[in-house]
Amino acid sequence: MKTKTFIITSAFLCLSLNVSAQNATSVNTIKTFKIGGNSDGWDYLTVNPKNNLLYVSHGTRVNVLNKTTGESIGEIKATTGVHGIAFTPNSTNGFITCGKLNSVKVFDIKTNLVTAEIPVGQNPDAIFYEAFSKKLIVCNGKTNNISVIDPKNNTVVNTIDVGGKPETAVSNGKGKIFVNIEDKNEIVVIDAKKFTVTNHWNLNKEEGPSGLAMDPKTNRLFSTCDKMLVILDSETGKLVKKMPIGDGCDGAVFDDKTSTIYTSNGEGNISVILEKNASQFVALKNIITKKGARTIALDSSTHHLYLPTADFEDKEKDNRGRPRIKEGTFQVIAVKTIK
């Protein structure tokens, strides 16, 4: 994902927010899970449905939390430059992209111990398990390619040149993989049988694609660009609709049970869009979060959302000119959506 640095804070705080859609009202309860630690960077987070734990990338480690209470369960260490975490359905292994090590580390979810390391391209970022091919897909940001890993033997079985910086990827589960190419402002389509590129689709002049989600039932892709959600037909690549979202977005998820798209905006909110059908989309009221909460994970079993961030100094800047992170404030915001 895009470069970020953040951290967590205080005990629990609860807010109630009303999100209205036509004749219905949704109430969202927000909690803050305190993690703390130094001001290392962070990126993705994910819920493992196998053990119902929340895995959060954080600098040189992955924090493992109880997804309901935020209680610390453990850490997976020595994952320098961590970005993404993925799991496979028929194994006790987890997989972590380590951007500064140019590798994917394999760990045992029962012990949290690293058991293997797989060399990939430079600066591996997003990673996910692709159900159709039964492979892991890794986006390598600096080598402009995708590493395809066979999780049965932890080896790279294919490398795909995508012609630009791959930010994140999704699959339709039917033989197609879609990749946001951040520096080319396009989506690349990959054949999941042959692992070859079949199409390059432009994003209708929108820039900086980062988050990517999909509804495989309606064949709709949801790409978050600069302050804009671009919705494409995943069969043809044609534009369906564009909808404004918040600033600083770096993530998107789609809840297929409620047909809702959520985009995590670093300015401090979540854009909420209801998919009524394949051609009708309605913007609902934003969910207020916190500044810096720009990546997002969905727990599909509970419909809860999770976003990492930190507290920031009002005036102090870091060496990159960004607001300085307050030490010991790394946190995860947990949003309980009620439909």
Protein backbone atom coordinates (compact mmCIF):
# COMPACT_ATOMS: atom_id res chain seq x y z
CA MET A 1 0.00 0.00 0.00
CA LYS A 2 0.96 3.66 -0.07
CA THR A 3 3.61 4.61 2.47
CA LYS A 4 2.18 5.30 5.91
CA THR A 5 3.31 5.74 9.47
CA PHE A 6 0.97 5.63 12.46
CA ILE A 7 0.26 4.32 16.07
CA ILE A 8 -2.47 3.65 18.92
CA THR A 9 -3.87 5.27 21.93
CA SER A 10 -5.98 5.16 25.02
CA ALA A 11 -8.58 2.87 26.41
CA PHE A 12 -11.97 2.25 24.98
CA LEU A 13 -14.12 5.04 23.69
CA CYS A 14 -17.56 4.51 22.31
CA LEU A 15 -19.42 6.70 19.89
CA SER A 16 -22.75 6.35 18.21
CA LEU A 17 -23.19 7.50 14.68
CA ASN A 18 -26.29 7.42 12.57
CA VAL A 19 -26.09 6.42 8.94
CA SER A 20 -29.39 6.78 7.13
CA ALA A 21 -30.40 5.15 3.89
CA GLN A 22 -33.83 5.95 2.58
CA ASN A 23 -36.24 4.55 5.20
CA ALA A 24 -33.64 2.65 7.25
CA THR A 25 -31.15 3.76 9.91
CA SER A 26 -27.83 2.07 10.79
CA VAL A 27 -26.09 2.69 14.11
CA ASN A 28 -22.33 2.24 14.24
CA THR A 29 -20.56 1.68 17.57
CA ILE A 30 -16.87 2.53 17.58
CA LYS A 31 -14.20 1.22 19.95
CA THR A 32 -10.48 1.91 20.07
CA PHE A 33 -8.07 -0.98 20.71
CA LYS A 34 -4.86 0.18 22.35
CA ILE A 35 -1.66 -1.39 21.02
CA GLY A 36 1.05 1.21 21.72
CA GLY A 37 4.67 0.76 20.82
CA ASN A 38 7.03 3.09 18.99
CA SER A 39 6.20 5.14 15.91
CA ASP A 40 6.87 2.46 13.31
CA GLY A 41 4.84 2.36 10.12
CA TRP A 42 1.83 0.20 9.50
CA ASP A 43 -0.29 -0.90 6.58
CA TYR A 44 -2.80 -3.73 6.15
CA LEU A 45 -4.73 -5.71 8.72
CA THR A 46 -6.95 -8.76 8.38
CA VAL A 47 -9.18 -11.16 10.29
CA ASN A 48 -8.34 -14.86 10.07
CA PRO A 49 -11.69 -16.71 9.95
CA LYS A 50 -9.98 -19.91 11.10
CA ASN A 51 -9.15 -18.65 14.59
CA ASN A 52 -11.15 -15.41 14.63
CA LEU A 53 -8.11 -13.30 15.48
CA LEU A 54 -7.18 -9.88 14.08
CA TYR A 55 -3.70 -9.53 12.55
CA VAL A 56 -2.29 -5.99 12.32
CA SER A 57 0.88 -4.97 10.45
CA HIS A 58 3.13 -2.70 12.52
CA GLY A 59 6.71 -1.83 11.52
CA THR A 60 8.83 -4.91 12.21
CA ARG A 61 6.08 -7.15 13.58
CA VAL A 62 2.48 -8.23 13.33
CA ASN A 63 0.26 -7.65 16.36
CA VAL A 64 -2.29 -10.42 17.00
CA LEU A 65 -5.46 -9.27 18.77
CA ASN A 66 -8.73 -10.62 20.04
CA LYS A 67 -11.04 -9.14 17.39
CA THR A 68 -13.81 -8.39 19.94
CA THR A 69 -11.94 -6.97 22.91
CA GLY A 70 -8.65 -5.83 21.38
CA GLU A 71 -6.72 -7.93 23.90
CA SER A 72 -3.18 -8.72 22.77
CA ILE A 73 -2.78 -12.40 21.93
CA GLY A 74 0.80 -12.23 20.72
CA GLU A 75 3.24 -10.93 18.10
CA ILE A 76 4.93 -12.27 15.00
CA LYS A 77 8.38 -10.69 15.02
CA ALA A 78 11.19 -10.01 12.53
CA THR A 79 8.84 -8.95 9.73
CA THR A 80 10.70 -5.79 8.77
CA GLY A 81 8.72 -3.50 6.48
CA VAL A 82 5.55 -5.55 6.95
CA HIS A 83 2.64 -4.76 4.64
CA GLY A 84 0.10 -7.55 4.19
CA ILE A 85 -1.07 -10.73 5.91
CA ALA A 86 -2.90 -13.62 4.22
CA PHE A 87 -4.17 -17.08 5.11
CA THR A 88 -5.03 -20.22 3.18
CA PRO A 89 -8.17 -22.27 3.91
CA ASN A 90 -6.64 -25.72 4.40
CA SER A 91 -3.53 -25.01 6.42
CA THR A 92 -2.35 -23.57 9.73
CA ASN A 93 0.09 -21.28 7.92
CA GLY A 94 -0.08 -17.52 7.59
CA PHE A 95 1.88 -15.41 5.10
CA ILE A 96 3.37 -11.94 5.65
CA THR A 97 4.89 -9.61 3.04
CA CYS A 98 8.08 -7.98 4.33
CA GLY A 99 8.74 -4.99 2.08
CA LYS A 100 12.25 -4.25 3.30
CA LEU A 101 13.33 -7.89 3.14
CA ASN A 102 11.92 -8.59 -0.35
CA SER A 103 10.33 -11.75 0.97
CA VAL A 104 7.18 -13.39 2.27
CA LYS A 105 7.51 -14.96 5.69
CA VAL A 106 5.49 -18.04 6.59
CA PHE A 107 4.30 -18.48 10.18
CA ASP A 108 2.35 -21.03 12.21
CA ILE A 109 -0.94 -19.55 13.46
CA LYS A 110 -0.81 -21.82 16.54
CA THR A 111 2.61 -20.68 17.75
CA ASN A 112 3.12 -17.36 15.87
CA LEU A 113 6.61 -18.59 14.99
CA VAL A 114 8.12 -17.97 11.54
CA THR A 115 8.73 -21.32 9.83
CA ALA A 116 9.93 -20.32 6.34
CA GLU A 117 10.88 -17.38 4.13
CA ILE A 118 10.06 -17.07 0.41
CA PRO A 119 12.09 -14.66 -1.77
CA VAL A 120 9.85 -12.57 -4.08
CA GLY A 121 10.21 -9.26 -5.95
CA GLN A 122 11.25 -5.95 -4.46
CA ASN A 123 9.05 -4.29 -1.85
CA PRO A 124 6.26 -6.89 -1.68
CA ASP A 125 3.09 -5.14 -0.57
CA ALA A 126 -0.46 -6.53 -0.86
CA ILE A 127 -1.03 -10.28 -0.67
CA PHE A 128 -4.14 -12.45 -0.92
CA TYR A 129 -5.19 -16.06 -1.43
CA GLU A 130 -6.74 -16.60 -4.86
CA ALA A 131 -9.33 -19.37 -4.54
CA PHE A 132 -9.62 -20.31 -8.24
CA SER A 133 -5.92 -21.12 -8.70
CA LYS A 134 -5.34 -21.96 -5.03
CA LYS A 135 -2.29 -19.69 -5.10
CA LEU A 136 -1.07 -16.64 -3.17
CA ILE A 137 -0.84 -13.41 -5.17
CA VAL A 138 1.84 -10.92 -4.10
CA CYS A 139 2.12 -7.33 -5.44
CA ASN A 140 5.79 -6.27 -5.73
CA GLY A 141 5.84 -2.47 -5.75
CA LYS A 142 9.40 -1.81 -6.93
CA THR A 143 9.78 -4.50 -9.56
CA ASN A 144 6.38 -3.88 -11.20
CA ASN A 145 5.39 -7.51 -11.04
CA ILE A 146 3.28 -10.13 -9.32
CA SER A 147 4.73 -13.18 -7.57
CA VAL A 148 2.52 -16.29 -7.63
CA ILE A 149 3.21 -18.59 -4.67
CA ASP A 150 2.10 -22.19 -4.29
CA PRO A 151 1.28 -22.46 -0.56
CA LYS A 152 1.62 -26.25 -0.65
CA ASN A 153 5.39 -26.04 -0.98
CA ASN A 154 6.04 -22.33 -0.34
CA THR A 155 7.65 -21.66 -3.71
CA VAL A 156 7.18 -18.99 -6.37
CA VAL A 157 5.72 -20.73 -9.41
CA ASN A 158 5.22 -17.71 -11.66
CA THR A 159 6.20 -14.05 -11.97
CA ILE A 160 3.96 -11.70 -13.97
CA ASP A 161 5.11 -8.34 -15.36
CA VAL A 162 2.21 -5.88 -14.96
CA GLY A 163 3.93 -2.82 -16.45
CA GLY A 164 3.64 -0.56 -13.43
CA LYS A 165 3.42 -0.44 -9.64
CA PRO A 166 0.87 -3.01 -8.42
CA GLU A 167 -0.94 -1.57 -5.40
CA THR A 168 -3.46 -4.27 -4.54
CA ALA A 169 -5.41 -7.06 -6.22
CA VAL A 170 -8.68 -8.98 -6.07
CA SER A 171 -10.19 -12.01 -7.82
CA ASN A 172 -13.62 -12.87 -9.17
CA GLY A 173 -13.06 -16.49 -8.12
CA LYS A 174 -13.77 -17.61 -11.69
CA GLY A 175 -10.36 -17.30 -13.33
CA LYS A 176 -9.67 -13.55 -13.41
CA ILE A 177 -7.42 -11.44 -11.18
CA PHE A 178 -7.63 -7.63 -11.17
CA VAL A 179 -4.72 -5.41 -10.09
CA ASN A 180 -4.70 -1.67 -9.35
CA ILE A 181 -1.62 -0.13 -11.04
CA GLU A 182 -0.96 2.99 -9.00
CA ASP A 183 1.49 4.85 -11.26
CA LYS A 184 -0.32 4.04 -14.53
CA ASN A 185 -3.85 4.83 -13.30
CA GLU A 186 -5.25 1.59 -14.62
CA ILE A 187 -6.43 -1.89 -13.73
CA VAL A 188 -4.58 -4.87 -15.18
CA VAL A 189 -6.49 -8.10 -15.79
CA ILE A 190 -4.69 -11.44 -15.31
CA ASP A 191 -5.78 -14.87 -16.49
CA ALA A 192 -5.63 -17.04 -13.35
CA LYS A 193 -5.17 -20.20 -15.44
CA LYS A 194 -2.18 -19.13 -17.53
CA PHE A 195 -1.01 -16.27 -15.27
CA THR A 196 -0.73 -13.88 -18.18
CA VAL A 197 -1.95 -10.30 -18.58
CA THR A 198 -5.02 -10.08 -20.82
CA ASN A 199 -6.13 -6.45 -20.50
CA HIS A 200 -5.18 -2.96 -19.33
CA TRP A 201 -8.24 -0.86 -18.37
CA ASN A 202 -8.02 2.88 -17.78
CA LEU A 203 -9.79 4.52 -14.85
CA ASN A 204 -11.49 7.32 -16.77
CA LYS A 205 -8.78 9.91 -16.02
CA GLU A 206 -8.87 9.30 -12.25
CA GLU A 207 -5.47 9.01 -10.56
CA GLY A 208 -3.67 7.11 -7.82
CA PRO A 209 -5.70 3.88 -7.58
CA SER A 210 -5.09 2.27 -4.20
CA GLY A 211 -7.92 0.29 -2.59
CA LEU A 212 -9.71 -2.32 -4.70
CA ALA A 213 -12.79 -4.39 -3.92
CA MET A 214 -15.28 -6.39 -5.94
CA ASP A 215 -18.81 -7.76 -6.09
CA PRO A 216 -18.48 -11.01 -8.09
CA LYS A 217 -22.27 -11.38 -8.25
CA THR A 218 -22.80 -8.15 -10.21
CA ASN A 219 -19.33 -8.20 -11.80
CA ARG A 220 -18.49 -4.77 -10.42
CA LEU A 221 -15.00 -3.54 -9.50
CA PHE A 222 -14.58 -0.72 -6.97
CA SER A 223 -11.28 1.16 -7.30
CA THR A 224 -10.46 4.01 -4.92
CA CYS A 225 -8.63 6.83 -6.66
CA ASP A 226 -7.88 10.37 -5.45
CA LYS A 227 -11.17 11.44 -3.81
CA MET A 228 -13.11 9.26 -6.26
CA LEU A 229 -14.50 5.73 -6.37
CA VAL A 230 -14.41 4.33 -9.90
CA ILE A 231 -16.86 1.50 -10.59
CA LEU A 232 -16.08 -0.72 -13.59
CA ASP A 233 -17.75 -3.68 -15.26
CA SER A 234 -15.30 -6.53 -14.55
CA GLU A 235 -16.32 -8.35 -17.74
CA THR A 236 -15.73 -5.48 -20.17
CA GLY A 237 -13.73 -2.85 -18.28
CA LYS A 238 -16.36 -0.23 -19.12
CA LEU A 239 -17.10 2.59 -16.68
CA VAL A 240 -20.33 2.12 -14.74
CA LYS A 241 -20.16 5.12 -12.40
CA LYS A 242 -17.87 7.45 -10.48
CA MET A 243 -18.68 8.59 -6.94
CA PRO A 244 -16.85 11.08 -4.67
CA ILE A 245 -15.17 9.67 -1.55
CA GLY A 246 -13.00 11.16 1.19
CA ASP A 247 -9.39 12.27 0.83
CA GLY A 248 -6.39 10.05 1.53
CA CYS A 249 -8.08 6.72 0.88
CA ASP A 250 -5.87 3.63 0.78
CA GLY A 251 -8.36 0.82 1.21
CA ALA A 252 -11.78 -0.50 0.27
CA VAL A 253 -13.91 -3.49 1.24
CA PHE A 254 -17.21 -4.86 0.00
CA ASP A 255 -19.70 -6.51 2.36
CA ASP A 256 -21.57 -8.96 0.13
CA LYS A 257 -24.21 -9.66 2.78
CA THR A 258 -25.32 -6.02 2.92
CA SER A 259 -24.16 -4.95 -0.58
CA THR A 260 -22.17 -2.10 0.95
CA ILE A 261 -18.86 -0.58 -0.13
CA TYR A 262 -16.65 1.02 2.52
CA THR A 263 -13.61 3.17 1.71
CA SER A 264 -11.14 4.15 4.46
CA ASN A 265 -10.19 7.81 4.08
CA GLY A 266 -7.10 9.16 5.84
CA GLU A 267 -8.80 12.50 6.42
CA GLY A 268 -10.75 10.74 9.21
CA ASN A 269 -13.85 9.04 7.87
CA ILE A 270 -15.27 6.08 5.96
CA SER A 271 -17.28 6.64 2.80
CA VAL A 272 -20.29 4.30 2.73
CA ILE A 273 -21.94 3.39 -0.58
CA LEU A 274 -24.90 1.05 -1.02
CA GLU A 275 -25.04 -1.09 -4.16
CA LYS A 276 -28.76 -1.35 -4.98
CA ASN A 277 -28.09 -3.27 -8.16
CA ALA A 278 -25.44 -3.47 -10.89
CA SER A 279 -26.12 0.07 -12.09
CA GLN A 280 -27.50 1.89 -9.04
CA PHE A 281 -25.28 3.07 -6.19
CA VAL A 282 -26.30 5.36 -3.32
CA ALA A 283 -23.94 7.33 -1.06
CA LEU A 284 -24.86 7.03 2.61
CA LYS A 285 -23.67 9.16 5.51
CA ASN A 286 -19.95 8.92 6.29
CA ILE A 287 -18.74 7.10 9.40
CA ILE A 288 -16.39 9.35 11.39
CA THR A 289 -13.10 7.67 12.35
CA LYS A 290 -9.75 9.40 12.99
CA LYS A 291 -7.07 11.10 10.97
CA GLY A 292 -4.64 8.59 9.46
CA ALA A 293 -7.12 5.67 9.38
CA ARG A 294 -6.63 4.93 5.70
CA THR A 295 -6.55 1.13 5.46
CA ILE A 296 -9.43 -1.17 6.34
CA ALA A 297 -10.40 -4.79 6.99
CA LEU A 298 -13.85 -6.38 7.03
CA ASP A 299 -14.87 -9.27 9.25
CA SER A 300 -17.46 -10.87 6.99
CA SER A 301 -18.92 -12.97 9.82
CA THR A 302 -19.83 -9.97 12.00
CA HIS A 303 -19.78 -7.09 9.47
CA HIS A 304 -17.31 -5.26 11.73
CA LEU A 305 -14.68 -2.95 10.22
CA TYR A 306 -11.13 -2.41 11.51
CA LEU A 307 -8.82 0.53 10.73
CA PRO A 308 -5.30 1.22 12.12
CA THR A 309 -4.10 4.73 13.00
CA ALA A 310 -2.45 6.80 15.74
CA ASP A 311 -2.52 10.17 17.47
CA PHE A 312 -0.57 13.02 15.88
CA GLU A 313 1.15 16.17 17.11
CA ASP A 314 -0.69 19.39 16.19
CA LYS A 315 2.34 21.30 14.89
CA GLU A 316 5.42 19.05 14.89
CA LYS A 317 6.45 17.43 11.60
CA ASP A 318 8.56 14.35 10.93
CA ASN A 319 11.50 14.23 8.49
CA ARG A 320 9.09 13.81 5.59
CA GLY A 321 7.05 16.86 6.50
CA ARG A 322 4.11 14.88 7.87
CA PRO A 323 2.45 15.42 11.26
CA ARG A 324 4.59 13.68 13.87
CA ILE A 325 3.10 10.60 15.49
CA LYS A 326 2.75 10.66 19.26
CA GLU A 327 4.78 7.87 20.79
CA GLY A 328 2.83 4.93 22.17
CA THR A 329 -0.44 5.76 20.43
CA PHE A 330 -0.75 3.07 17.75
CA GLN A 331 -4.33 1.83 17.73
CA VAL A 332 -7.03 0.00 15.83
CA ILE A 333 -10.46 1.52 15.42
CA ALA A 334 -13.18 -1.15 15.52
CA VAL A 335 -16.49 -0.21 13.88
CA LYS A 336 -19.52 -2.35 14.65
CA THR A 337 -21.99 -1.78 11.85
CA ILE A 338 -25.60 -2.71 12.52
CA LYS A 339 -27.95 -3.08 9.57
